[in-house]
Amino acid sequence: MDFRFISVIIPAHNEQKYLTQCLESLVSQDYPKDMYEIVVVDHNSKDNTCKIAEAFGVKVIDQNAGPVGAVRNAGAKQANGELLAFIDADCVAPVDWLSKGANFLIKHESVYGGGCNLRTPPYWIEKAWLLENKSPPKDLLGCCIFIKKADFIKIGLFSEEITSGEDTKLSNSLKRQNYNVIMTEDLNVIHLGNPTTLKSFFLRQVWHSENYIQNWHETKLDPTFYLLIIFLIGLILFSSSLIYKNITGTITSMFIIFCIPFIFTLKRLRRSKKPRNDLRNLPAIYFLDFVYLSGRVIGLCKSLWKIAMKFNSR
């Protein structure tokens, strides 16, 4: 194998819970030890994140300003590697992760990404939300990206204008500029930071949707966004029907409110590797789709609020 120097970039904000496991998996890679570096980019951590990273002897740099895209970019700018590997601090990489990723990049003029596997055993929320899909994600995930540094610089890095979705935006930018973006289960990592409570799951959905309007170029191409709008209309109609005591409007709005999550549930079951097994967990799956939409509605409202505040400040 033709070994190239790799820089592994890890954004970190108060990641003491899982960072040790992440770094243990990375320092144990079967890739030559002198052919890769690990760069932890600290973003205002108040816990022991930096102490843990320093104990492993990895490079630690500070990036106090900006969203996660800026944090990832800061690591890439100071990276010494010809190849870049992005992973999150709450993920664990298999022992051959770097070897496989480097091999893919060297042999093919493409950008590679992987998905996330569940921990063993998973929490009930993980089982109900992260169904085993028939195929890997269609777009890059920030927790698992392999790209040549020259290509990353050329494409313009991660967006620093949005608080989430910078990985999807990078994926779409690469495709628009005729790069091959290849997703493969061979590069999957184990994600330990999945929400394990309803509160954390709900807040995660709010955070992921805070830039719906700001990231409109990608949002308008997402069919789920329009289902979200219908769900929101149902909520508005339900509220107004209660105020004006309109029974027909109440029944119609309730049908919309309870039907839209079911569409999401059916879509996820159709993509599942084991739909029959997942059917046993149908109530939990449907319930999480309802919570998902509710959180996304709040996030959309926050996105609109940001636009309004920005407009009023002019």
C-alpha atoms as a PDB file:
ATOM      1  CA  MET A   1       0.000   0.000   0.000  1.00  0.00           C
ATOM      2  CA  ASP A   2       1.177   3.524  -0.833  1.00  0.00           C
ATOM      3  CA  PHE A   3       1.029   5.333   2.520  1.00  0.00           C
ATOM      4  CA  ARG A   4       0.257   9.059   2.593  1.00  0.00           C
ATOM      5  CA  PHE A   5       0.316  11.319   5.636  1.00  0.00           C
ATOM      6  CA  ILE A   6      -3.155  11.772   7.122  1.00  0.00           C
ATOM      7  CA  SER A   7      -4.460  14.445   9.474  1.00  0.00           C
ATOM      8  CA  VAL A   8      -7.426  13.364  11.587  1.00  0.00           C
ATOM      9  CA  ILE A   9      -9.539  16.395  12.548  1.00  0.00           C
ATOM     10  CA  ILE A  10     -11.749  16.251  15.668  1.00  0.00           C
ATOM     11  CA  PRO A  11     -13.932  19.248  16.630  1.00  0.00           C
ATOM     12  CA  ALA A  12     -14.532  19.262  20.376  1.00  0.00           C
ATOM     13  CA  HIS A  13     -16.832  21.202  22.694  1.00  0.00           C
ATOM     14  CA  ASN A  14     -17.192  19.743  26.203  1.00  0.00           C
ATOM     15  CA  GLU A  15     -16.513  16.223  24.921  1.00  0.00           C
ATOM     16  CA  GLN A  16     -15.001  14.613  28.026  1.00  0.00           C
ATOM     17  CA  LYS A  17     -17.713  11.930  28.110  1.00  0.00           C
ATOM     18  CA  TYR A  18     -16.579  10.105  24.964  1.00  0.00           C
ATOM     19  CA  LEU A  19     -13.295  11.707  23.853  1.00  0.00           C
ATOM     20  CA  THR A  20     -11.144   9.089  25.572  1.00  0.00           C
ATOM     21  CA  GLN A  21     -12.851   6.273  23.665  1.00  0.00           C
ATOM     22  CA  CYS A  22     -12.537   8.208  20.416  1.00  0.00           C
ATOM     23  CA  LEU A  23      -8.815   8.852  20.864  1.00  0.00           C
ATOM     24  CA  GLU A  24      -8.136   5.292  22.025  1.00  0.00           C
ATOM     25  CA  SER A  25      -9.624   4.018  18.778  1.00  0.00           C
ATOM     26  CA  LEU A  26      -7.521   6.434  16.731  1.00  0.00           C
ATOM     27  CA  VAL A  27      -4.164   5.799  18.385  1.00  0.00           C
ATOM     28  CA  SER A  28      -4.798   2.059  17.916  1.00  0.00           C
ATOM     29  CA  GLN A  29      -5.174   2.227  14.136  1.00  0.00           C
ATOM     30  CA  ASP A  30      -3.270  -0.284  11.995  1.00  0.00           C
ATOM     31  CA  TYR A  31      -1.967   2.616   9.870  1.00  0.00           C
ATOM     32  CA  PRO A  32       1.762   3.440  10.394  1.00  0.00           C
ATOM     33  CA  LYS A  33       2.041   5.636  13.493  1.00  0.00           C
ATOM     34  CA  ASP A  34       4.450   8.055  11.823  1.00  0.00           C
ATOM     35  CA  MET A  35       2.093   8.581   8.897  1.00  0.00           C
ATOM     36  CA  TYR A  36      -0.792  10.267  10.674  1.00  0.00           C
ATOM     37  CA  GLU A  37      -1.508  12.964  13.208  1.00  0.00           C
ATOM     38  CA  ILE A  38      -4.549  13.646  15.372  1.00  0.00           C
ATOM     39  CA  VAL A  39      -5.734  17.240  15.684  1.00  0.00           C
ATOM     40  CA  VAL A  40      -8.279  18.094  18.392  1.00  0.00           C
ATOM     41  CA  VAL A  41      -9.820  21.516  17.800  1.00  0.00           C
ATOM     42  CA  ASP A  42     -11.217  22.836  21.075  1.00  0.00           C
ATOM     43  CA  HIS A  43     -14.210  25.137  20.940  1.00  0.00           C
ATOM     44  CA  ASN A  44     -14.568  26.820  24.332  1.00  0.00           C
ATOM     45  CA  SER A  45     -14.714  23.615  26.364  1.00  0.00           C
ATOM     46  CA  LYS A  46     -15.322  24.088  30.088  1.00  0.00           C
ATOM     47  CA  ASP A  47     -14.727  20.470  31.077  1.00  0.00           C
ATOM     48  CA  ASN A  48     -11.652  18.212  30.828  1.00  0.00           C
ATOM     49  CA  THR A  49     -11.652  17.961  27.028  1.00  0.00           C
ATOM     50  CA  CYS A  50      -8.258  19.619  26.576  1.00  0.00           C
ATOM     51  CA  LYS A  51      -6.642  17.693  29.443  1.00  0.00           C
ATOM     52  CA  ILE A  52      -7.794  14.389  27.957  1.00  0.00           C
ATOM     53  CA  ALA A  53      -6.460  15.313  24.510  1.00  0.00           C
ATOM     54  CA  GLU A  54      -3.142  16.476  25.926  1.00  0.00           C
ATOM     55  CA  ALA A  55      -2.789  13.230  27.882  1.00  0.00           C
ATOM     56  CA  PHE A  56      -2.875  11.349  24.573  1.00  0.00           C
ATOM     57  CA  GLY A  57      -0.128  13.573  23.183  1.00  0.00           C
ATOM     58  CA  VAL A  58      -2.179  14.768  20.212  1.00  0.00           C
ATOM     59  CA  LYS A  59      -2.110  18.250  18.711  1.00  0.00           C
ATOM     60  CA  VAL A  60      -4.599  20.587  20.411  1.00  0.00           C
ATOM     61  CA  ILE A  61      -5.562  23.929  18.902  1.00  0.00           C
ATOM     62  CA  ASP A  62      -8.160  26.511  19.906  1.00  0.00           C
ATOM     63  CA  GLN A  63     -10.980  27.862  17.783  1.00  0.00           C
ATOM     64  CA  ASN A  64     -13.187  29.958  20.009  1.00  0.00           C
ATOM     65  CA  ALA A  65     -15.353  31.669  17.409  1.00  0.00           C
ATOM     66  CA  GLY A  66     -17.854  30.414  14.874  1.00  0.00           C
ATOM     67  CA  PRO A  67     -20.014  27.302  14.426  1.00  0.00           C
ATOM     68  CA  VAL A  68     -18.768  23.737  13.997  1.00  0.00           C
ATOM     69  CA  GLY A  69     -17.842  24.389  10.353  1.00  0.00           C
ATOM     70  CA  ALA A  70     -15.317  26.992  11.494  1.00  0.00           C
ATOM     71  CA  VAL A  71     -13.960  24.559  14.083  1.00  0.00           C
ATOM     72  CA  ARG A  72     -13.421  21.822  11.492  1.00  0.00           C
ATOM     73  CA  ASN A  73     -11.831  24.342   9.113  1.00  0.00           C
ATOM     74  CA  ALA A  74      -9.397  25.549  11.771  1.00  0.00           C
ATOM     75  CA  GLY A  75      -8.103  22.004  12.178  1.00  0.00           C
ATOM     76  CA  ALA A  76      -7.769  21.491   8.445  1.00  0.00           C
ATOM     77  CA  LYS A  77      -5.848  24.734   7.981  1.00  0.00           C
ATOM     78  CA  GLN A  78      -3.219  23.668  10.520  1.00  0.00           C
ATOM     79  CA  ALA A  79      -3.127  20.055   9.337  1.00  0.00           C
ATOM     80  CA  ASN A  80       0.120  18.687   7.933  1.00  0.00           C
ATOM     81  CA  GLY A  81      -1.484  15.818   6.063  1.00  0.00           C
ATOM     82  CA  GLU A  82      -1.940  15.398   2.350  1.00  0.00           C
ATOM     83  CA  LEU A  83      -5.145  13.587   3.264  1.00  0.00           C
ATOM     84  CA  LEU A  84      -7.790  14.738   5.741  1.00  0.00           C
ATOM     85  CA  ALA A  85     -10.027  12.512   7.835  1.00  0.00           C
ATOM     86  CA  PHE A  86     -12.854  14.122   9.788  1.00  0.00           C
ATOM     87  CA  ILE A  87     -14.409  12.374  12.767  1.00  0.00           C
ATOM     88  CA  ASP A  88     -16.439  13.584  15.753  1.00  0.00           C
ATOM     89  CA  ALA A  89     -15.296  13.346  19.356  1.00  0.00           C
ATOM     90  CA  ASP A  90     -18.214  11.082  20.286  1.00  0.00           C
ATOM     91  CA  CYS A  91     -17.366   8.466  17.651  1.00  0.00           C
ATOM     92  CA  VAL A  92     -15.209   5.340  17.731  1.00  0.00           C
ATOM     93  CA  ALA A  93     -13.367   4.226  14.586  1.00  0.00           C
ATOM     94  CA  PRO A  94     -12.637   0.588  13.701  1.00  0.00           C
ATOM     95  CA  VAL A  95      -8.960  -0.353  13.720  1.00  0.00           C
ATOM     96  CA  ASP A  96      -8.654  -0.292   9.905  1.00  0.00           C
ATOM     97  CA  TRP A  97     -10.581   2.970   9.422  1.00  0.00           C
ATOM     98  CA  LEU A  98      -7.588   5.061   8.327  1.00  0.00           C
ATOM     99  CA  SER A  99      -6.157   2.288   6.159  1.00  0.00           C
ATOM    100  CA  LYS A 100      -9.389   1.863   4.253  1.00  0.00           C
ATOM    101  CA  GLY A 101     -10.024   5.591   3.889  1.00  0.00           C
ATOM    102  CA  ALA A 102      -6.497   6.321   2.675  1.00  0.00           C
ATOM    103  CA  ASN A 103      -6.606   3.407   0.257  1.00  0.00           C
ATOM    104  CA  PHE A 104      -9.859   4.691  -1.250  1.00  0.00           C
ATOM    105  CA  LEU A 105      -8.493   8.218  -1.679  1.00  0.00           C
ATOM    106  CA  ILE A 106      -5.195   7.121  -3.221  1.00  0.00           C
ATOM    107  CA  LYS A 107      -6.760   4.743  -5.723  1.00  0.00           C
ATOM    108  CA  HIS A 108      -9.656   6.934  -6.825  1.00  0.00           C
ATOM    109  CA  GLU A 109     -10.183  10.622  -7.524  1.00  0.00           C
ATOM    110  CA  SER A 110     -13.154  10.873  -5.194  1.00  0.00           C
ATOM    111  CA  VAL A 111     -14.297  12.003  -1.767  1.00  0.00           C
ATOM    112  CA  TYR A 112     -15.409   9.294   0.634  1.00  0.00           C
ATOM    113  CA  GLY A 113     -17.755   9.175   3.576  1.00  0.00           C
ATOM    114  CA  GLY A 114     -19.323   6.637   5.878  1.00  0.00           C
ATOM    115  CA  GLY A 115     -22.305   6.332   8.157  1.00  0.00           C
ATOM    116  CA  CYS A 116     -22.836   5.552  11.822  1.00  0.00           C
ATOM    117  CA  ASN A 117     -23.361   2.250  13.578  1.00  0.00           C
ATOM    118  CA  LEU A 118     -25.129   1.854  16.903  1.00  0.00           C
ATOM    119  CA  ARG A 119     -23.386   1.043  20.143  1.00  0.00           C
ATOM    120  CA  THR A 120     -23.945  -2.393  21.704  1.00  0.00           C
ATOM    121  CA  PRO A 121     -26.500  -2.535  23.211  1.00  0.00           C
ATOM    122  CA  PRO A 122     -28.311   0.565  21.892  1.00  0.00           C
ATOM    123  CA  TYR A 123     -30.748   2.700  23.890  1.00  0.00           C
ATOM    124  CA  TRP A 124     -34.429   2.444  22.953  1.00  0.00           C
ATOM    125  CA  ILE A 125     -34.350   5.865  21.272  1.00  0.00           C
ATOM    126  CA  GLU A 126     -31.422   4.792  19.114  1.00  0.00           C
ATOM    127  CA  LYS A 127     -33.200   1.575  18.130  1.00  0.00           C
ATOM    128  CA  ALA A 128     -36.398   3.404  17.232  1.00  0.00           C
ATOM    129  CA  TRP A 129     -34.747   6.299  15.422  1.00  0.00           C
ATOM    130  CA  LEU A 130     -31.627   4.888  13.792  1.00  0.00           C
ATOM    131  CA  LEU A 131     -33.049   1.919  11.931  1.00  0.00           C
ATOM    132  CA  GLU A 132     -30.542  -0.172  10.022  1.00  0.00           C
ATOM    133  CA  ASN A 133     -30.816   1.182   6.491  1.00  0.00           C
ATOM    134  CA  LYS A 134     -30.371  -0.804   3.288  1.00  0.00           C
ATOM    135  CA  SER A 135     -27.811   1.686   2.023  1.00  0.00           C
ATOM    136  CA  PRO A 136     -25.418   4.283   3.523  1.00  0.00           C
ATOM    137  CA  PRO A 137     -26.405   7.988   3.773  1.00  0.00           C
ATOM    138  CA  LYS A 138     -26.614   9.856   0.474  1.00  0.00           C
ATOM    139  CA  ASP A 139     -24.645  12.872   1.745  1.00  0.00           C
ATOM    140  CA  LEU A 140     -21.460  13.298   3.736  1.00  0.00           C
ATOM    141  CA  LEU A 141     -21.658  13.232   7.527  1.00  0.00           C
ATOM    142  CA  GLY A 142     -19.164  15.336   9.476  1.00  0.00           C
ATOM    143  CA  CYS A 143     -18.338  12.360  11.681  1.00  0.00           C
ATOM    144  CA  CYS A 144     -16.786  10.416   8.804  1.00  0.00           C
ATOM    145  CA  ILE A 145     -15.233  12.175   5.805  1.00  0.00           C
ATOM    146  CA  PHE A 146     -12.059  11.396   3.853  1.00  0.00           C
ATOM    147  CA  ILE A 147     -10.864  14.040   1.400  1.00  0.00           C
ATOM    148  CA  LYS A 148      -7.571  15.230  -0.077  1.00  0.00           C
ATOM    149  CA  LYS A 149      -6.519  18.492   1.536  1.00  0.00           C
ATOM    150  CA  ALA A 150      -5.958  20.133  -1.849  1.00  0.00           C
ATOM    151  CA  ASP A 151      -9.525  19.311  -2.870  1.00  0.00           C
ATOM    152  CA  PHE A 152     -10.887  20.521   0.464  1.00  0.00           C
ATOM    153  CA  ILE A 153      -9.131  23.870   0.090  1.00  0.00           C
ATOM    154  CA  LYS A 154     -10.208  24.158  -3.534  1.00  0.00           C
ATOM    155  CA  ILE A 155     -13.884  23.510  -2.756  1.00  0.00           C
ATOM    156  CA  GLY A 156     -13.898  26.315  -0.196  1.00  0.00           C
ATOM    157  CA  LEU A 157     -13.924  24.399   3.113  1.00  0.00           C
ATOM    158  CA  PHE A 158     -16.988  23.931   5.339  1.00  0.00           C
ATOM    159  CA  SER A 159     -19.512  26.734   5.483  1.00  0.00           C
ATOM    160  CA  GLU A 160     -19.013  29.001   8.489  1.00  0.00           C
ATOM    161  CA  GLU A 161     -22.355  30.741   8.047  1.00  0.00           C
ATOM    162  CA  ILE A 162     -24.612  28.023   9.452  1.00  0.00           C
ATOM    163  CA  THR A 163     -24.724  26.298  12.841  1.00  0.00           C
ATOM    164  CA  SER A 164     -25.449  22.832  11.435  1.00  0.00           C
ATOM    165  CA  GLY A 165     -25.731  21.087   8.070  1.00  0.00           C
ATOM    166  CA  GLU A 166     -22.243  22.150   7.000  1.00  0.00           C
ATOM    167  CA  ASP A 167     -21.481  18.562   6.025  1.00  0.00           C
ATOM    168  CA  THR A 168     -24.487  18.336   3.691  1.00  0.00           C
ATOM    169  CA  LYS A 169     -23.600  21.700   2.184  1.00  0.00           C
ATOM    170  CA  LEU A 170     -20.041  20.521   1.539  1.00  0.00           C
ATOM    171  CA  SER A 171     -21.385  17.346  -0.054  1.00  0.00           C
ATOM    172  CA  ASN A 172     -23.647  19.306  -2.393  1.00  0.00           C
ATOM    173  CA  SER A 173     -20.852  21.757  -3.284  1.00  0.00           C
ATOM    174  CA  LEU A 174     -18.572  18.874  -4.221  1.00  0.00           C
ATOM    175  CA  LYS A 175     -21.235  17.312  -6.425  1.00  0.00           C
ATOM    176  CA  ARG A 176     -21.976  20.614  -8.159  1.00  0.00           C
ATOM    177  CA  GLN A 177     -18.283  20.918  -8.999  1.00  0.00           C
ATOM    178  CA  ASN A 178     -18.248  17.387 -10.466  1.00  0.00           C
ATOM    179  CA  TYR A 179     -16.456  15.609  -7.638  1.00  0.00           C
ATOM    180  CA  ASN A 180     -17.435  12.007  -6.997  1.00  0.00           C
ATOM    181  CA  VAL A 181     -18.846  11.677  -3.492  1.00  0.00           C
ATOM    182  CA  ILE A 182     -18.902   8.006  -2.561  1.00  0.00           C
ATOM    183  CA  MET A 183     -20.626   6.777   0.589  1.00  0.00           C
ATOM    184  CA  THR A 184     -19.611   3.353   1.844  1.00  0.00           C
ATOM    185  CA  GLU A 185     -20.412   1.256   4.896  1.00  0.00           C
ATOM    186  CA  ASP A 186     -16.746   0.201   4.921  1.00  0.00           C
ATOM    187  CA  LEU A 187     -15.952   3.504   6.638  1.00  0.00           C
ATOM    188  CA  ASN A 188     -18.741   3.457   9.215  1.00  0.00           C
ATOM    189  CA  VAL A 189     -17.917   4.584  12.745  1.00  0.00           C
ATOM    190  CA  ILE A 190     -19.751   3.871  15.989  1.00  0.00           C
ATOM    191  CA  HIS A 191     -21.599   6.948  17.202  1.00  0.00           C
ATOM    192  CA  LEU A 192     -21.771   7.121  20.993  1.00  0.00           C
ATOM    193  CA  GLY A 193     -23.272  10.605  21.151  1.00  0.00           C
ATOM    194  CA  ASN A 194     -26.741   9.808  19.841  1.00  0.00           C
ATOM    195  CA  PRO A 195     -29.547  11.282  21.950  1.00  0.00           C
ATOM    196  CA  THR A 196     -30.580   8.848  24.670  1.00  0.00           C
ATOM    197  CA  THR A 197     -33.385  10.916  26.221  1.00  0.00           C
ATOM    198  CA  LEU A 198     -36.440  12.545  24.676  1.00  0.00           C
ATOM    199  CA  LYS A 199     -35.220  15.978  25.763  1.00  0.00           C
ATOM    200  CA  SER A 200     -31.831  15.590  24.073  1.00  0.00           C
ATOM    201  CA  PHE A 201     -33.486  14.115  20.964  1.00  0.00           C
ATOM    202  CA  PHE A 202     -35.925  17.035  20.750  1.00  0.00           C
ATOM    203  CA  LEU A 203     -33.201  19.646  21.254  1.00  0.00           C
ATOM    204  CA  ARG A 204     -31.036  17.936  18.610  1.00  0.00           C
ATOM    205  CA  GLN A 205     -33.847  18.354  16.060  1.00  0.00           C
ATOM    206  CA  VAL A 206     -34.292  22.015  16.988  1.00  0.00           C
ATOM    207  CA  TRP A 207     -30.559  22.603  16.499  1.00  0.00           C
ATOM    208  CA  HIS A 208     -30.459  20.800  13.145  1.00  0.00           C
ATOM    209  CA  SER A 209     -33.279  22.952  11.751  1.00  0.00           C
ATOM    210  CA  GLU A 210     -32.196  26.389  12.972  1.00  0.00           C
ATOM    211  CA  ASN A 211     -30.753  27.187   9.521  1.00  0.00           C
ATOM    212  CA  TYR A 212     -33.578  26.045   7.254  1.00  0.00           C
ATOM    213  CA  ILE A 213     -33.983  29.505   5.739  1.00  0.00           C
ATOM    214  CA  GLN A 214     -30.317  30.522   5.886  1.00  0.00           C
ATOM    215  CA  ASN A 215     -29.431  27.313   4.041  1.00  0.00           C
ATOM    216  CA  TRP A 216     -32.292  27.656   1.556  1.00  0.00           C
ATOM    217  CA  HIS A 217     -30.362  26.351  -1.453  1.00  0.00           C
ATOM    218  CA  GLU A 218     -30.272  22.883   0.158  1.00  0.00           C
ATOM    219  CA  THR A 219     -33.557  23.178   2.061  1.00  0.00           C
ATOM    220  CA  LYS A 220     -35.674  23.759  -1.045  1.00  0.00           C
ATOM    221  CA  LEU A 221     -34.454  20.452  -2.494  1.00  0.00           C
ATOM    222  CA  ASP A 222     -35.431  18.457   0.605  1.00  0.00           C
ATOM    223  CA  PRO A 223     -38.906  16.831   0.272  1.00  0.00           C
ATOM    224  CA  THR A 224     -39.123  16.379   4.046  1.00  0.00           C
ATOM    225  CA  PHE A 225     -39.139  20.162   4.464  1.00  0.00           C
ATOM    226  CA  TYR A 226     -42.422  20.445   2.604  1.00  0.00           C
ATOM    227  CA  LEU A 227     -43.970  17.717   4.731  1.00  0.00           C
ATOM    228  CA  LEU A 228     -42.801  19.724   7.726  1.00  0.00           C
ATOM    229  CA  ILE A 229     -44.639  22.773   6.355  1.00  0.00           C
ATOM    230  CA  ILE A 230     -47.848  20.731   6.035  1.00  0.00           C
ATOM    231  CA  PHE A 231     -47.384  19.545   9.620  1.00  0.00           C
ATOM    232  CA  LEU A 232     -46.931  23.165  10.739  1.00  0.00           C
ATOM    233  CA  ILE A 233     -50.074  24.200   8.840  1.00  0.00           C
ATOM    234  CA  GLY A 234     -51.931  21.424  10.649  1.00  0.00           C
ATOM    235  CA  LEU A 235     -50.755  22.763  14.014  1.00  0.00           C
ATOM    236  CA  ILE A 236     -51.820  26.302  13.116  1.00  0.00           C
ATOM    237  CA  LEU A 237     -55.194  25.088  11.846  1.00  0.00           C
ATOM    238  CA  PHE A 238     -55.716  23.014  15.003  1.00  0.00           C
ATOM    239  CA  SER A 239     -55.006  26.008  17.253  1.00  0.00           C
ATOM    240  CA  SER A 240     -57.341  28.309  15.315  1.00  0.00           C
ATOM    241  CA  SER A 241     -60.068  25.634  15.218  1.00  0.00           C
ATOM    242  CA  LEU A 242     -59.979  25.331  18.993  1.00  0.00           C
ATOM    243  CA  ILE A 243     -60.197  29.091  19.409  1.00  0.00           C
ATOM    244  CA  TYR A 244     -63.164  29.420  17.047  1.00  0.00           C
ATOM    245  CA  LYS A 245     -64.705  26.067  18.076  1.00  0.00           C
ATOM    246  CA  ASN A 246     -64.687  24.748  14.513  1.00  0.00           C
ATOM    247  CA  ILE A 247     -65.252  20.999  14.765  1.00  0.00           C
ATOM    248  CA  THR A 248     -64.577  20.324  11.072  1.00  0.00           C
ATOM    249  CA  GLY A 249     -61.321  22.252  11.219  1.00  0.00           C
ATOM    250  CA  THR A 250     -60.299  20.430  14.379  1.00  0.00           C
ATOM    251  CA  ILE A 251     -60.880  16.997  12.841  1.00  0.00           C
ATOM    252  CA  THR A 252     -59.098  17.968   9.608  1.00  0.00           C
ATOM    253  CA  SER A 253     -56.114  19.431  11.423  1.00  0.00           C
ATOM    254  CA  MET A 254     -55.819  16.396  13.708  1.00  0.00           C
ATOM    255  CA  PHE A 255     -55.782  14.145  10.650  1.00  0.00           C
ATOM    256  CA  ILE A 256     -52.926  16.207   9.189  1.00  0.00           C
ATOM    257  CA  ILE A 257     -50.996  16.319  12.473  1.00  0.00           C
ATOM    258  CA  PHE A 258     -51.145  12.544  12.995  1.00  0.00           C
ATOM    259  CA  CYS A 259     -50.819  11.549   9.337  1.00  0.00           C
ATOM    260  CA  ILE A 260     -47.583  13.379   8.495  1.00  0.00           C
ATOM    261  CA  PRO A 261     -45.463  11.566  11.133  1.00  0.00           C
ATOM    262  CA  PHE A 262     -46.860   8.277   9.820  1.00  0.00           C
ATOM    263  CA  ILE A 263     -45.524   9.137   6.345  1.00  0.00           C
ATOM    264  CA  PHE A 264     -42.067   9.553   7.875  1.00  0.00           C
ATOM    265  CA  THR A 265     -42.467   6.251   9.710  1.00  0.00           C
ATOM    266  CA  LEU A 266     -43.426   4.396   6.522  1.00  0.00           C
ATOM    267  CA  LYS A 267     -40.497   5.936   4.663  1.00  0.00           C
ATOM    268  CA  ARG A 268     -38.031   4.828   7.322  1.00  0.00           C
ATOM    269  CA  LEU A 269     -39.481   1.326   7.500  1.00  0.00           C
ATOM    270  CA  ARG A 270     -39.245   1.005   3.722  1.00  0.00           C
ATOM    271  CA  ARG A 271     -35.522   1.813   3.890  1.00  0.00           C
ATOM    272  CA  SER A 272     -34.873  -0.557   6.761  1.00  0.00           C
ATOM    273  CA  LYS A 273     -32.884  -3.770   6.334  1.00  0.00           C
ATOM    274  CA  LYS A 274     -35.217  -5.526   8.761  1.00  0.00           C
ATOM    275  CA  PRO A 275     -38.690  -3.959   8.415  1.00  0.00           C
ATOM    276  CA  ARG A 276     -40.481  -6.944   9.967  1.00  0.00           C
ATOM    277  CA  ASN A 277     -38.389  -6.713  13.113  1.00  0.00           C
ATOM    278  CA  ASP A 278     -38.856  -2.949  13.260  1.00  0.00           C
ATOM    279  CA  LEU A 279     -42.645  -3.315  13.014  1.00  0.00           C
ATOM    280  CA  ARG A 280     -42.575  -4.704  16.544  1.00  0.00           C
ATOM    281  CA  ASN A 281     -41.259  -1.318  17.605  1.00  0.00           C
ATOM    282  CA  LEU A 282     -43.793   0.652  15.538  1.00  0.00           C
ATOM    283  CA  PRO A 283     -45.316   2.744  18.377  1.00  0.00           C
ATOM    284  CA  ALA A 284     -41.885   4.001  19.467  1.00  0.00           C
ATOM    285  CA  ILE A 285     -40.832   4.679  15.866  1.00  0.00           C
ATOM    286  CA  TYR A 286     -43.993   6.679  15.168  1.00  0.00           C
ATOM    287  CA  PHE A 287     -43.714   8.570  18.455  1.00  0.00           C
ATOM    288  CA  LEU A 288     -40.150   9.682  17.651  1.00  0.00           C
ATOM    289  CA  ASP A 289     -41.225  10.850  14.196  1.00  0.00           C
ATOM    290  CA  PHE A 290     -43.853  13.020  15.921  1.00  0.00           C
ATOM    291  CA  VAL A 291     -41.217  14.428  18.300  1.00  0.00           C
ATOM    292  CA  TYR A 292     -38.858  14.910  15.329  1.00  0.00           C
ATOM    293  CA  LEU A 293     -41.395  17.047  13.469  1.00  0.00           C
ATOM    294  CA  SER A 294     -42.236  19.029  16.602  1.00  0.00           C
ATOM    295  CA  GLY A 295     -38.580  19.853  17.187  1.00  0.00           C
ATOM    296  CA  ARG A 296     -38.085  20.777  13.552  1.00  0.00           C
ATOM    297  CA  VAL A 297     -41.045  23.170  13.709  1.00  0.00           C
ATOM    298  CA  ILE A 298     -39.402  24.983  16.638  1.00  0.00           C
ATOM    299  CA  GLY A 299     -36.132  25.087  14.726  1.00  0.00           C
ATOM    300  CA  LEU A 300     -37.881  26.534  11.662  1.00  0.00           C
ATOM    301  CA  CYS A 301     -39.428  29.236  13.835  1.00  0.00           C
ATOM    302  CA  LYS A 302     -35.977  30.061  15.234  1.00  0.00           C
ATOM    303  CA  SER A 303     -34.633  30.255  11.680  1.00  0.00           C
ATOM    304  CA  LEU A 304     -37.365  32.711  10.716  1.00  0.00           C
ATOM    305  CA  TRP A 305     -36.720  34.686  13.910  1.00  0.00           C
ATOM    306  CA  LYS A 306     -33.031  35.034  13.028  1.00  0.00           C
ATOM    307  CA  ILE A 307     -33.979  36.434   9.617  1.00  0.00           C
ATOM    308  CA  ALA A 308     -36.421  38.884  11.196  1.00  0.00           C
ATOM    309  CA  MET A 309     -33.865  40.080  13.753  1.00  0.00           C
ATOM    310  CA  LYS A 310     -31.225  40.515  11.072  1.00  0.00           C
ATOM    311  CA  PHE A 311     -33.660  42.507   8.929  1.00  0.00           C
ATOM    312  CA  ASN A 312     -34.718  44.749  11.845  1.00  0.00           C
ATOM    313  CA  SER A 313     -31.108  45.475  12.783  1.00  0.00           C
ATOM    314  CA  ARG A 314     -30.467  47.109   9.419  1.00  0.00           C
END
